[in-house]
Amino acid sequence: MKKLITIVLILLSVNTFAQNRAKVLLNEVSEKIKSYENISLDFKYILENTSENIKQETKGDVVMQNDKYRLNILGVTQLFDGKTLYSISPEDEEVTISSENSDDNDAITPSKMLSFYEDGYMYIMDMVQNINGRKIQYIKLTPIDSNSEIKTILLGIDAQTKHIYNLIQVGENGTKTTLVVNSFKTNTPLSKTLFTFDANKYKDYYINKLD
């Protein structure tokens, strides 16, 4: 019995140490991200579901400043000015206007892409990978909410720059989504109207207001 208690205590202490290391690293990442005036990312996005025989891969880019963002992906531009979300589809000649759904805790939107882990997750240090000479330290995140549609998230962090390199999310339904950051730029000069929707440019578009 004493041996069992000792083993349990050792495992608990190791687990606590791993959690503390993960917390320190996540705090370093948060501080680094919050120190930038703006962030521009080029990324690769992969959606996989083996049971449904689905695999989709696409590229995109996003510019973020505080809560505002401009995202380009799958031929659609999403523009969020801090209050209203505009989804602009040139192919359909349509603009969908809505408020960003902040009630969906599982949704990792561009404005939360680099900070979503700060609330609602348990975390622990995971594997380390060497990718093109870069040491990528992974942290495993598990939602605190037992009803979450997310099973686990692996967050890959560049150990030197403290920038997020990739994110691997596994859903309860078996869907795996992977986001890999190809380029990470900060504090670049931005147009004052970058996050502003100009209705005059879309006079011929169908305007779909959801709210």
N, C-alpha and C. Protein backbone atom coordinates (compact mmCIF):
# COMPACT_ATOMS: atom_id res chain seq x y z
N MET A 1 0.82 -1.20 0.00
CA MET A 1 0.00 0.00 0.00
C MET A 1 0.86 1.26 0.00
N LYS A 2 1.94 1.23 0.79
CA LYS A 2 2.84 2.39 0.85
C LYS A 2 3.47 2.65 -0.51
N LYS A 3 3.83 1.53 -1.22
CA LYS A 3 4.43 1.68 -2.55
C LYS A 3 3.44 2.32 -3.51
N LEU A 4 2.15 1.91 -3.42
CA LEU A 4 1.11 2.46 -4.29
C LEU A 4 0.93 3.94 -4.03
N ILE A 5 0.90 4.34 -2.75
CA ILE A 5 0.74 5.74 -2.39
C ILE A 5 1.93 6.56 -2.92
N THR A 6 3.13 5.98 -2.79
CA THR A 6 4.33 6.67 -3.27
C THR A 6 4.27 6.88 -4.78
N ILE A 7 3.87 5.84 -5.50
CA ILE A 7 3.77 5.94 -6.96
C ILE A 7 2.74 7.00 -7.36
N VAL A 8 1.59 7.01 -6.68
CA VAL A 8 0.53 8.00 -6.97
C VAL A 8 1.04 9.42 -6.72
N LEU A 9 1.75 9.60 -5.61
CA LEU A 9 2.28 10.93 -5.28
C LEU A 9 3.30 11.39 -6.31
N ILE A 10 4.15 10.46 -6.77
CA ILE A 10 5.15 10.79 -7.80
C ILE A 10 4.46 11.21 -9.09
N LEU A 11 3.44 10.42 -9.49
CA LEU A 11 2.71 10.74 -10.72
C LEU A 11 2.02 12.09 -10.62
N LEU A 12 1.45 12.38 -9.46
CA LEU A 12 0.77 13.66 -9.25
C LEU A 12 1.76 14.83 -9.32
N SER A 13 2.94 14.63 -8.73
CA SER A 13 3.94 15.70 -8.73
C SER A 13 4.48 15.94 -10.13
N VAL A 14 4.67 14.86 -10.90
CA VAL A 14 5.13 14.98 -12.28
C VAL A 14 4.10 15.72 -13.12
N ASN A 15 2.82 15.34 -12.92
CA ASN A 15 1.73 15.97 -13.67
C ASN A 15 1.62 17.46 -13.34
N THR A 16 1.76 17.80 -12.04
CA THR A 16 1.70 19.20 -11.62
C THR A 16 2.86 19.99 -12.21
N PHE A 17 4.05 19.39 -12.24
CA PHE A 17 5.23 20.04 -12.81
C PHE A 17 5.02 20.33 -14.29
N ALA A 18 4.45 19.34 -15.01
CA ALA A 18 4.19 19.50 -16.44
C ALA A 18 3.17 20.59 -16.69
N GLN A 19 2.14 20.68 -15.82
CA GLN A 19 1.13 21.73 -15.95
C GLN A 19 1.75 23.10 -15.70
N ASN A 20 2.61 23.20 -14.70
CA ASN A 20 3.25 24.48 -14.39
C ASN A 20 4.15 24.94 -15.53
N ARG A 21 4.91 24.00 -16.13
CA ARG A 21 5.76 24.33 -17.27
C ARG A 21 4.93 24.81 -18.44
N ALA A 22 3.80 24.14 -18.67
CA ALA A 22 2.90 24.53 -19.76
C ALA A 22 2.34 25.92 -19.52
N LYS A 23 1.95 26.20 -18.28
CA LYS A 23 1.39 27.51 -17.94
C LYS A 23 2.42 28.61 -18.16
N VAL A 24 3.65 28.36 -17.76
CA VAL A 24 4.72 29.36 -17.94
C VAL A 24 4.93 29.65 -19.42
N LEU A 25 4.95 28.60 -20.24
CA LEU A 25 5.18 28.78 -21.68
C LEU A 25 4.01 29.52 -22.32
N LEU A 26 2.77 29.16 -21.96
CA LEU A 26 1.60 29.84 -22.51
C LEU A 26 1.57 31.31 -22.11
N ASN A 27 1.98 31.60 -20.89
CA ASN A 27 2.05 33.00 -20.44
C ASN A 27 3.08 33.79 -21.26
N GLU A 28 4.19 33.15 -21.57
CA GLU A 28 5.23 33.80 -22.39
C GLU A 28 4.70 34.10 -23.79
N VAL A 29 3.95 33.14 -24.34
CA VAL A 29 3.36 33.33 -25.67
C VAL A 29 2.36 34.48 -25.64
N SER A 30 1.50 34.52 -24.61
CA SER A 30 0.50 35.57 -24.49
C SER A 30 1.14 36.95 -24.39
N GLU A 31 2.15 37.07 -23.56
CA GLU A 31 2.83 38.35 -23.38
C GLU A 31 3.47 38.82 -24.68
N LYS A 32 4.04 37.87 -25.43
CA LYS A 32 4.70 38.21 -26.69
C LYS A 32 3.66 38.71 -27.69
N ILE A 33 2.56 37.98 -27.81
CA ILE A 33 1.51 38.35 -28.77
C ILE A 33 0.89 39.70 -28.43
N LYS A 34 0.63 39.94 -27.15
CA LYS A 34 -0.01 41.19 -26.74
C LYS A 34 0.92 42.40 -26.87
N SER A 35 2.20 42.14 -27.04
CA SER A 35 3.15 43.26 -27.18
C SER A 35 3.15 43.82 -28.60
N TYR A 36 2.54 43.11 -29.55
CA TYR A 36 2.54 43.57 -30.95
C TYR A 36 1.35 44.47 -31.23
N GLU A 37 1.58 45.47 -32.08
CA GLU A 37 0.50 46.37 -32.48
C GLU A 37 -0.45 45.66 -33.44
N ASN A 38 0.12 44.84 -34.32
CA ASN A 38 -0.70 44.05 -35.23
C ASN A 38 0.08 42.81 -35.66
N ILE A 39 -0.62 41.82 -36.18
CA ILE A 39 -0.01 40.55 -36.60
C ILE A 39 -0.59 40.15 -37.95
N SER A 40 0.29 39.74 -38.86
CA SER A 40 -0.14 39.25 -40.18
C SER A 40 0.35 37.81 -40.35
N LEU A 41 -0.57 36.92 -40.73
CA LEU A 41 -0.22 35.51 -40.89
C LEU A 41 -0.60 35.00 -42.28
N ASP A 42 0.28 34.18 -42.85
CA ASP A 42 -0.08 33.33 -43.99
C ASP A 42 -0.12 31.91 -43.43
N PHE A 43 -1.16 31.16 -43.76
CA PHE A 43 -1.30 29.85 -43.14
C PHE A 43 -1.86 28.81 -44.10
N LYS A 44 -1.68 27.55 -43.71
CA LYS A 44 -2.26 26.41 -44.41
C LYS A 44 -3.29 25.79 -43.49
N TYR A 45 -4.45 25.43 -44.06
CA TYR A 45 -5.55 24.88 -43.26
C TYR A 45 -5.96 23.53 -43.85
N ILE A 46 -5.97 22.50 -43.00
CA ILE A 46 -6.28 21.14 -43.46
C ILE A 46 -7.44 20.60 -42.63
N LEU A 47 -8.46 20.08 -43.31
CA LEU A 47 -9.61 19.45 -42.66
C LEU A 47 -9.65 17.98 -43.06
N GLU A 48 -9.67 17.08 -42.06
CA GLU A 48 -9.67 15.65 -42.34
C GLU A 48 -10.71 14.92 -41.50
N ASN A 49 -11.40 13.98 -42.14
CA ASN A 49 -12.29 13.07 -41.42
C ASN A 49 -12.21 11.71 -42.14
N THR A 50 -11.44 10.80 -41.58
CA THR A 50 -11.17 9.51 -42.22
C THR A 50 -12.45 8.71 -42.45
N SER A 51 -13.33 8.69 -41.45
CA SER A 51 -14.56 7.89 -41.56
C SER A 51 -15.47 8.40 -42.67
N GLU A 52 -15.42 9.70 -42.94
CA GLU A 52 -16.25 10.30 -43.99
C GLU A 52 -15.48 10.44 -45.30
N ASN A 53 -14.22 9.98 -45.31
CA ASN A 53 -13.36 10.08 -46.49
C ASN A 53 -13.23 11.52 -46.98
N ILE A 54 -12.99 12.42 -46.02
CA ILE A 54 -12.86 13.85 -46.34
C ILE A 54 -11.44 14.32 -46.05
N LYS A 55 -10.85 15.00 -47.00
CA LYS A 55 -9.58 15.69 -46.78
C LYS A 55 -9.55 16.93 -47.67
N GLN A 56 -9.56 18.09 -47.03
CA GLN A 56 -9.52 19.36 -47.76
C GLN A 56 -8.33 20.17 -47.27
N GLU A 57 -7.62 20.77 -48.19
CA GLU A 57 -6.46 21.59 -47.84
C GLU A 57 -6.56 22.91 -48.59
N THR A 58 -6.34 23.99 -47.88
CA THR A 58 -6.39 25.31 -48.51
C THR A 58 -5.41 26.24 -47.81
N LYS A 59 -5.17 27.38 -48.44
CA LYS A 59 -4.30 28.40 -47.86
C LYS A 59 -5.09 29.66 -47.60
N GLY A 60 -4.62 30.46 -46.68
CA GLY A 60 -5.29 31.70 -46.36
C GLY A 60 -4.34 32.69 -45.73
N ASP A 61 -4.83 33.88 -45.47
CA ASP A 61 -4.05 34.89 -44.78
C ASP A 61 -4.97 35.74 -43.92
N VAL A 62 -4.42 36.28 -42.88
CA VAL A 62 -5.22 37.10 -41.97
C VAL A 62 -4.35 38.20 -41.37
N VAL A 63 -4.96 39.37 -41.20
CA VAL A 63 -4.32 40.50 -40.50
C VAL A 63 -5.16 40.78 -39.26
N MET A 64 -4.52 40.87 -38.11
CA MET A 64 -5.25 41.09 -36.84
C MET A 64 -4.69 42.28 -36.10
N GLN A 65 -5.60 43.07 -35.55
CA GLN A 65 -5.21 44.19 -34.69
C GLN A 65 -6.25 44.29 -33.58
N ASN A 66 -5.84 43.97 -32.37
CA ASN A 66 -6.76 43.87 -31.24
C ASN A 66 -7.87 42.87 -31.61
N ASP A 67 -9.15 43.28 -31.54
CA ASP A 67 -10.24 42.37 -31.88
C ASP A 67 -10.58 42.40 -33.36
N LYS A 68 -10.01 43.31 -34.10
CA LYS A 68 -10.33 43.46 -35.52
C LYS A 68 -9.51 42.48 -36.36
N TYR A 69 -10.09 42.05 -37.48
CA TYR A 69 -9.31 41.20 -38.39
C TYR A 69 -9.84 41.27 -39.81
N ARG A 70 -8.98 40.90 -40.74
CA ARG A 70 -9.34 40.75 -42.15
C ARG A 70 -8.78 39.41 -42.61
N LEU A 71 -9.69 38.47 -42.91
CA LEU A 71 -9.32 37.10 -43.24
C LEU A 71 -9.70 36.78 -44.68
N ASN A 72 -8.76 36.20 -45.41
CA ASN A 72 -9.02 35.74 -46.77
C ASN A 72 -8.82 34.22 -46.83
N ILE A 73 -9.90 33.50 -47.20
CA ILE A 73 -9.80 32.06 -47.30
C ILE A 73 -10.94 31.53 -48.18
N LEU A 74 -10.64 30.55 -49.02
CA LEU A 74 -11.62 29.92 -49.90
C LEU A 74 -12.35 30.93 -50.78
N GLY A 75 -11.64 31.99 -51.19
CA GLY A 75 -12.24 32.97 -52.08
C GLY A 75 -13.16 33.96 -51.39
N VAL A 76 -13.26 33.88 -50.07
CA VAL A 76 -14.13 34.77 -49.30
C VAL A 76 -13.28 35.65 -48.38
N THR A 77 -13.67 36.93 -48.27
CA THR A 77 -13.01 37.84 -47.34
C THR A 77 -13.93 38.06 -46.15
N GLN A 78 -13.41 37.80 -44.96
CA GLN A 78 -14.16 38.10 -43.74
C GLN A 78 -13.53 39.32 -43.09
N LEU A 79 -14.36 40.33 -42.85
CA LEU A 79 -13.90 41.59 -42.28
C LEU A 79 -14.65 41.85 -40.98
N PHE A 80 -13.91 41.93 -39.89
CA PHE A 80 -14.53 42.19 -38.58
C PHE A 80 -13.97 43.48 -38.02
N ASP A 81 -14.84 44.48 -37.82
CA ASP A 81 -14.39 45.80 -37.37
C ASP A 81 -14.45 45.99 -35.86
N GLY A 82 -14.66 44.88 -35.16
CA GLY A 82 -14.75 44.94 -33.70
C GLY A 82 -16.17 44.78 -33.20
N LYS A 83 -17.14 45.04 -34.09
CA LYS A 83 -18.55 44.91 -33.73
C LYS A 83 -19.32 44.05 -34.73
N THR A 84 -19.03 44.27 -36.01
CA THR A 84 -19.80 43.62 -37.07
C THR A 84 -18.90 42.80 -37.98
N LEU A 85 -19.41 41.63 -38.37
CA LEU A 85 -18.67 40.73 -39.26
C LEU A 85 -19.27 40.81 -40.67
N TYR A 86 -18.43 41.10 -41.65
CA TYR A 86 -18.84 41.16 -43.05
C TYR A 86 -18.14 40.01 -43.79
N SER A 87 -18.93 39.13 -44.41
CA SER A 87 -18.38 38.05 -45.22
C SER A 87 -18.66 38.38 -46.68
N ILE A 88 -17.59 38.62 -47.44
CA ILE A 88 -17.71 39.11 -48.81
C ILE A 88 -17.32 38.00 -49.78
N SER A 89 -18.28 37.60 -50.64
CA SER A 89 -18.05 36.54 -51.61
C SER A 89 -18.19 37.09 -53.03
N PRO A 90 -17.06 37.39 -53.70
CA PRO A 90 -17.12 37.88 -55.09
C PRO A 90 -17.77 36.89 -56.04
N GLU A 91 -17.56 35.58 -55.80
CA GLU A 91 -18.12 34.56 -56.68
C GLU A 91 -19.64 34.60 -56.67
N ASP A 92 -20.22 34.77 -55.48
CA ASP A 92 -21.69 34.82 -55.35
C ASP A 92 -22.23 36.24 -55.43
N GLU A 93 -21.31 37.23 -55.47
CA GLU A 93 -21.69 38.64 -55.44
C GLU A 93 -22.64 38.90 -54.26
N GLU A 94 -22.19 38.47 -53.10
CA GLU A 94 -23.01 38.57 -51.89
C GLU A 94 -22.17 39.01 -50.70
N VAL A 95 -22.77 39.86 -49.85
CA VAL A 95 -22.16 40.26 -48.58
C VAL A 95 -23.09 39.85 -47.46
N THR A 96 -22.59 39.01 -46.54
CA THR A 96 -23.38 38.60 -45.38
C THR A 96 -22.92 39.41 -44.18
N ILE A 97 -23.86 40.05 -43.51
CA ILE A 97 -23.54 40.93 -42.38
C ILE A 97 -24.15 40.34 -41.11
N SER A 98 -23.31 40.21 -40.08
CA SER A 98 -23.79 39.65 -38.82
C SER A 98 -22.90 40.13 -37.69
N SER A 99 -23.34 39.85 -36.47
CA SER A 99 -22.47 40.08 -35.32
C SER A 99 -21.67 38.81 -35.10
N GLU A 100 -20.41 38.93 -34.72
CA GLU A 100 -19.61 37.74 -34.48
C GLU A 100 -20.19 37.00 -33.29
N ASN A 101 -20.37 35.69 -33.44
CA ASN A 101 -20.99 34.88 -32.39
C ASN A 101 -19.99 34.57 -31.28
N SER A 102 -20.00 35.40 -30.26
CA SER A 102 -19.07 35.21 -29.15
C SER A 102 -19.57 34.16 -28.16
N ASP A 103 -20.83 33.67 -28.38
CA ASP A 103 -21.40 32.67 -27.46
C ASP A 103 -20.91 31.26 -27.76
N ASP A 104 -20.36 31.08 -28.96
CA ASP A 104 -19.86 29.75 -29.34
C ASP A 104 -18.44 29.59 -28.82
N ASN A 105 -18.30 28.96 -27.66
CA ASN A 105 -17.00 28.84 -27.01
C ASN A 105 -16.04 27.95 -27.79
N ASP A 106 -16.59 27.05 -28.63
CA ASP A 106 -15.74 26.13 -29.38
C ASP A 106 -15.14 26.78 -30.63
N ALA A 107 -15.73 27.89 -31.06
CA ALA A 107 -15.28 28.53 -32.30
C ALA A 107 -13.97 29.28 -32.07
N ILE A 108 -12.93 28.89 -32.79
CA ILE A 108 -11.65 29.60 -32.70
C ILE A 108 -11.61 30.57 -33.87
N THR A 109 -12.10 31.78 -33.65
CA THR A 109 -12.15 32.80 -34.69
C THR A 109 -10.79 33.46 -34.83
N PRO A 110 -10.55 34.18 -35.94
CA PRO A 110 -9.25 34.86 -36.10
C PRO A 110 -8.88 35.76 -34.93
N SER A 111 -9.87 36.45 -34.37
CA SER A 111 -9.56 37.34 -33.25
C SER A 111 -9.15 36.59 -31.99
N LYS A 112 -9.48 35.27 -31.94
CA LYS A 112 -9.08 34.45 -30.79
C LYS A 112 -8.01 33.43 -31.15
N MET A 113 -7.57 33.46 -32.41
CA MET A 113 -6.67 32.42 -32.91
C MET A 113 -5.40 32.29 -32.07
N LEU A 114 -4.89 33.41 -31.57
CA LEU A 114 -3.62 33.39 -30.85
C LEU A 114 -3.80 33.56 -29.34
N SER A 115 -5.06 33.46 -28.87
CA SER A 115 -5.27 33.65 -27.43
C SER A 115 -6.39 32.77 -26.87
N PHE A 116 -6.99 31.90 -27.71
CA PHE A 116 -8.15 31.11 -27.28
C PHE A 116 -7.86 30.26 -26.06
N TYR A 117 -6.60 29.84 -25.90
CA TYR A 117 -6.23 28.89 -24.86
C TYR A 117 -6.22 29.52 -23.46
N GLU A 118 -6.40 30.82 -23.37
CA GLU A 118 -6.28 31.50 -22.08
C GLU A 118 -7.44 31.19 -21.15
N ASP A 119 -8.53 30.67 -21.68
CA ASP A 119 -9.70 30.42 -20.85
C ASP A 119 -10.42 29.16 -21.32
N GLY A 120 -10.81 28.33 -20.39
CA GLY A 120 -11.65 27.19 -20.71
C GLY A 120 -10.93 25.89 -21.01
N TYR A 121 -9.62 25.84 -20.76
CA TYR A 121 -8.86 24.62 -21.09
C TYR A 121 -7.95 24.20 -19.94
N MET A 122 -7.79 22.89 -19.80
CA MET A 122 -6.72 22.32 -18.99
C MET A 122 -5.56 22.05 -19.94
N TYR A 123 -4.35 22.13 -19.46
CA TYR A 123 -3.21 21.97 -20.36
C TYR A 123 -2.04 21.27 -19.69
N ILE A 124 -1.23 20.64 -20.55
CA ILE A 124 -0.07 19.91 -20.06
C ILE A 124 0.97 19.85 -21.18
N MET A 125 2.23 19.82 -20.83
CA MET A 125 3.30 19.72 -21.83
C MET A 125 3.19 18.39 -22.56
N ASP A 126 3.47 18.42 -23.87
CA ASP A 126 3.39 17.22 -24.69
C ASP A 126 4.71 17.03 -25.41
N MET A 127 4.68 16.46 -26.61
CA MET A 127 5.90 16.11 -27.34
C MET A 127 6.66 17.33 -27.86
N VAL A 128 7.91 17.09 -28.26
CA VAL A 128 8.75 18.10 -28.90
C VAL A 128 9.12 17.59 -30.28
N GLN A 129 9.02 18.46 -31.29
CA GLN A 129 9.41 18.10 -32.65
C GLN A 129 10.46 19.07 -33.17
N ASN A 130 11.36 18.55 -34.01
CA ASN A 130 12.32 19.40 -34.71
C ASN A 130 11.82 19.54 -36.15
N ILE A 131 11.37 20.74 -36.51
CA ILE A 131 10.81 20.99 -37.84
C ILE A 131 11.67 22.03 -38.55
N ASN A 132 12.40 21.56 -39.54
CA ASN A 132 13.29 22.45 -40.32
C ASN A 132 14.23 23.25 -39.42
N GLY A 133 14.76 22.56 -38.41
CA GLY A 133 15.71 23.21 -37.51
C GLY A 133 15.07 24.01 -36.39
N ARG A 134 13.76 24.03 -36.35
CA ARG A 134 13.04 24.76 -35.29
C ARG A 134 12.52 23.77 -34.25
N LYS A 135 12.74 24.11 -32.98
CA LYS A 135 12.23 23.27 -31.90
C LYS A 135 10.80 23.68 -31.61
N ILE A 136 9.87 22.76 -31.87
CA ILE A 136 8.45 23.03 -31.65
C ILE A 136 7.98 22.24 -30.43
N GLN A 137 7.64 22.98 -29.38
CA GLN A 137 7.13 22.38 -28.16
C GLN A 137 5.61 22.35 -28.20
N TYR A 138 5.02 21.17 -28.05
CA TYR A 138 3.57 21.05 -28.08
C TYR A 138 2.99 21.07 -26.68
N ILE A 139 1.83 21.72 -26.57
CA ILE A 139 1.06 21.70 -25.34
C ILE A 139 -0.31 21.10 -25.66
N LYS A 140 -0.71 20.12 -24.87
CA LYS A 140 -2.00 19.47 -25.08
C LYS A 140 -3.06 20.18 -24.25
N LEU A 141 -4.12 20.63 -24.93
CA LEU A 141 -5.21 21.32 -24.25
C LEU A 141 -6.47 20.46 -24.31
N THR A 142 -7.16 20.39 -23.19
CA THR A 142 -8.42 19.65 -23.10
C THR A 142 -9.49 20.58 -22.56
N PRO A 143 -10.63 20.71 -23.26
CA PRO A 143 -11.70 21.61 -22.78
C PRO A 143 -12.19 21.23 -21.39
N ILE A 144 -12.43 22.24 -20.57
CA ILE A 144 -12.99 22.00 -19.24
C ILE A 144 -14.46 21.61 -19.35
N ASP A 145 -15.14 22.18 -20.33
CA ASP A 145 -16.55 21.90 -20.57
C ASP A 145 -16.70 20.48 -21.13
N SER A 146 -17.35 19.61 -20.40
CA SER A 146 -17.51 18.22 -20.82
C SER A 146 -18.42 18.08 -22.04
N ASN A 147 -19.20 19.12 -22.35
CA ASN A 147 -20.10 19.09 -23.51
C ASN A 147 -19.46 19.70 -24.76
N SER A 148 -18.20 20.06 -24.67
CA SER A 148 -17.52 20.66 -25.81
C SER A 148 -17.43 19.68 -26.97
N GLU A 149 -17.55 20.21 -28.19
CA GLU A 149 -17.40 19.37 -29.38
C GLU A 149 -15.93 19.10 -29.69
N ILE A 150 -15.04 19.79 -28.97
CA ILE A 150 -13.60 19.58 -29.14
C ILE A 150 -13.12 18.51 -28.16
N LYS A 151 -12.38 17.54 -28.67
CA LYS A 151 -11.82 16.50 -27.81
C LYS A 151 -10.48 16.97 -27.24
N THR A 152 -9.55 17.30 -28.10
CA THR A 152 -8.24 17.80 -27.68
C THR A 152 -7.69 18.78 -28.71
N ILE A 153 -6.75 19.59 -28.26
CA ILE A 153 -6.01 20.49 -29.15
C ILE A 153 -4.53 20.38 -28.83
N LEU A 154 -3.71 20.21 -29.85
CA LEU A 154 -2.27 20.28 -29.68
C LEU A 154 -1.82 21.64 -30.22
N LEU A 155 -1.20 22.43 -29.38
CA LEU A 155 -0.72 23.75 -29.76
C LEU A 155 0.79 23.71 -29.86
N GLY A 156 1.31 23.89 -31.09
CA GLY A 156 2.75 23.85 -31.30
C GLY A 156 3.35 25.24 -31.19
N ILE A 157 4.35 25.40 -30.34
CA ILE A 157 4.97 26.70 -30.07
C ILE A 157 6.46 26.66 -30.40
N ASP A 158 6.91 27.63 -31.17
CA ASP A 158 8.34 27.76 -31.47
C ASP A 158 9.05 28.14 -30.17
N ALA A 159 9.92 27.27 -29.69
CA ALA A 159 10.55 27.47 -28.38
C ALA A 159 11.44 28.71 -28.35
N GLN A 160 11.96 29.13 -29.51
CA GLN A 160 12.84 30.29 -29.54
C GLN A 160 12.07 31.60 -29.64
N THR A 161 11.15 31.69 -30.58
CA THR A 161 10.43 32.95 -30.81
C THR A 161 9.22 33.11 -29.91
N LYS A 162 8.72 32.01 -29.34
CA LYS A 162 7.49 31.99 -28.54
C LYS A 162 6.27 32.37 -29.39
N HIS A 163 6.36 32.07 -30.69
CA HIS A 163 5.23 32.26 -31.60
C HIS A 163 4.53 30.91 -31.80
N ILE A 164 3.22 30.95 -32.05
CA ILE A 164 2.49 29.73 -32.35
C ILE A 164 2.84 29.28 -33.76
N TYR A 165 3.25 28.03 -33.90
CA TYR A 165 3.62 27.47 -35.20
C TYR A 165 2.45 26.73 -35.84
N ASN A 166 1.76 25.91 -35.05
CA ASN A 166 0.62 25.20 -35.60
C ASN A 166 -0.38 24.85 -34.50
N LEU A 167 -1.55 24.40 -34.97
CA LEU A 167 -2.64 24.02 -34.08
C LEU A 167 -3.31 22.79 -34.69
N ILE A 168 -3.44 21.74 -33.89
CA ILE A 168 -4.07 20.50 -34.36
C ILE A 168 -5.26 20.22 -33.45
N GLN A 169 -6.46 20.35 -34.01
CA GLN A 169 -7.68 20.18 -33.22
C GLN A 169 -8.40 18.90 -33.63
N VAL A 170 -8.75 18.08 -32.63
CA VAL A 170 -9.49 16.84 -32.88
C VAL A 170 -10.86 16.97 -32.24
N GLY A 171 -11.91 16.78 -33.06
CA GLY A 171 -13.27 16.88 -32.56
C GLY A 171 -13.78 15.56 -32.03
N GLU A 172 -14.85 15.63 -31.25
CA GLU A 172 -15.46 14.41 -30.71
C GLU A 172 -16.02 13.53 -31.84
N ASN A 173 -16.30 14.14 -32.99
CA ASN A 173 -16.82 13.38 -34.13
C ASN A 173 -15.72 12.81 -35.02
N GLY A 174 -14.47 12.96 -34.59
CA GLY A 174 -13.34 12.40 -35.34
C GLY A 174 -12.73 13.33 -36.36
N THR A 175 -13.33 14.51 -36.53
CA THR A 175 -12.78 15.48 -37.49
C THR A 175 -11.50 16.11 -36.94
N LYS A 176 -10.48 16.16 -37.78
CA LYS A 176 -9.20 16.73 -37.39
C LYS A 176 -8.93 17.96 -38.26
N THR A 177 -8.70 19.09 -37.62
CA THR A 177 -8.36 20.30 -38.36
C THR A 177 -6.97 20.76 -37.94
N THR A 178 -6.16 21.09 -38.93
CA THR A 178 -4.78 21.50 -38.67
C THR A 178 -4.53 22.85 -39.31
N LEU A 179 -3.95 23.76 -38.55
CA LEU A 179 -3.58 25.07 -39.07
C LEU A 179 -2.08 25.23 -38.87
N VAL A 180 -1.36 25.49 -39.96
CA VAL A 180 0.09 25.66 -39.91
C VAL A 180 0.44 27.07 -40.36
N VAL A 181 1.16 27.80 -39.52
CA VAL A 181 1.55 29.18 -39.84
C VAL A 181 2.79 29.15 -40.73
N ASN A 182 2.65 29.64 -41.96
CA ASN A 182 3.78 29.67 -42.90
C ASN A 182 4.62 30.93 -42.74
N SER A 183 3.99 32.04 -42.41
CA SER A 183 4.74 33.28 -42.17
C SER A 183 4.05 34.07 -41.06
N PHE A 184 4.86 34.72 -40.24
CA PHE A 184 4.37 35.43 -39.06
C PHE A 184 5.04 36.80 -39.05
N LYS A 185 4.28 37.84 -39.38
CA LYS A 185 4.83 39.20 -39.42
C LYS A 185 4.13 40.08 -38.39
N THR A 186 4.87 41.01 -37.84
CA THR A 186 4.31 41.87 -36.80
C THR A 186 4.60 43.34 -37.07
N ASN A 187 3.71 44.18 -36.53
CA ASN A 187 3.88 45.65 -36.55
C ASN A 187 4.15 46.19 -37.95
N THR A 188 3.41 45.69 -38.94
CA THR A 188 3.55 46.20 -40.30
C THR A 188 2.64 47.40 -40.50
N PRO A 189 3.00 48.36 -41.37
CA PRO A 189 2.14 49.52 -41.64
C PRO A 189 0.82 49.05 -42.27
N LEU A 190 -0.30 49.50 -41.70
CA LEU A 190 -1.61 49.09 -42.20
C LEU A 190 -2.42 50.29 -42.66
N SER A 191 -3.22 50.08 -43.69
CA SER A 191 -4.13 51.13 -44.14
C SER A 191 -5.16 51.42 -43.05
N LYS A 192 -5.54 52.68 -42.90
CA LYS A 192 -6.52 53.06 -41.87
C LYS A 192 -7.89 52.47 -42.16
N THR A 193 -8.11 52.08 -43.41
CA THR A 193 -9.43 51.53 -43.79
C THR A 193 -9.41 50.01 -43.95
N LEU A 194 -8.33 49.36 -43.52
CA LEU A 194 -8.19 47.92 -43.74
C LEU A 194 -9.34 47.13 -43.11
N PHE A 195 -9.83 47.58 -41.96
CA PHE A 195 -10.88 46.86 -41.26
C PHE A 195 -12.24 47.55 -41.40
N THR A 196 -12.35 48.44 -42.36
CA THR A 196 -13.59 49.19 -42.58
C THR A 196 -14.33 48.67 -43.81
N PHE A 197 -15.61 48.39 -43.67
CA PHE A 197 -16.42 47.94 -44.80
C PHE A 197 -16.92 49.14 -45.58
N ASP A 198 -16.62 49.17 -46.87
CA ASP A 198 -17.04 50.26 -47.76
C ASP A 198 -18.20 49.75 -48.62
N ALA A 199 -19.41 50.12 -48.26
CA ALA A 199 -20.61 49.65 -48.96
C ALA A 199 -20.64 50.10 -50.42
N ASN A 200 -19.98 51.21 -50.72
CA ASN A 200 -19.99 51.73 -52.09
C ASN A 200 -19.32 50.77 -53.08
N LYS A 201 -18.42 49.93 -52.57
CA LYS A 201 -17.72 48.98 -53.45
C LYS A 201 -18.59 47.78 -53.81
N TYR A 202 -19.73 47.64 -53.12
CA TYR A 202 -20.54 46.43 -53.32
C TYR A 202 -22.00 46.78 -53.60
N LYS A 203 -22.21 47.84 -54.37
CA LYS A 203 -23.57 48.27 -54.69
C LYS A 203 -24.34 47.23 -55.48
N ASP A 204 -23.62 46.43 -56.29
CA ASP A 204 -24.28 45.42 -57.12
C ASP A 204 -24.39 44.07 -56.43
N TYR A 205 -23.91 43.98 -55.20
CA TYR A 205 -23.95 42.72 -54.47
C TYR A 205 -25.28 42.59 -53.72
N TYR A 206 -25.67 41.34 -53.48
CA TYR A 206 -26.82 41.07 -52.62
C TYR A 206 -26.36 41.20 -51.17
N ILE A 207 -27.05 42.03 -50.39
CA ILE A 207 -26.69 42.25 -48.99
C ILE A 207 -27.59 41.40 -48.11
N ASN A 208 -27.00 40.45 -47.40
CA ASN A 208 -27.75 39.52 -46.55
C ASN A 208 -27.48 39.84 -45.08
N LYS A 209 -28.42 40.50 -44.42
CA LYS A 209 -28.26 40.86 -43.01
C LYS A 209 -28.90 39.79 -42.14
N LEU A 210 -28.09 39.16 -41.31
CA LEU A 210 -28.57 38.05 -40.49
C LEU A 210 -29.16 38.51 -39.16
N ASP A 211 -28.72 39.65 -38.65
CA ASP A 211 -29.19 40.14 -37.34
C ASP A 211 -30.26 41.22 -37.51
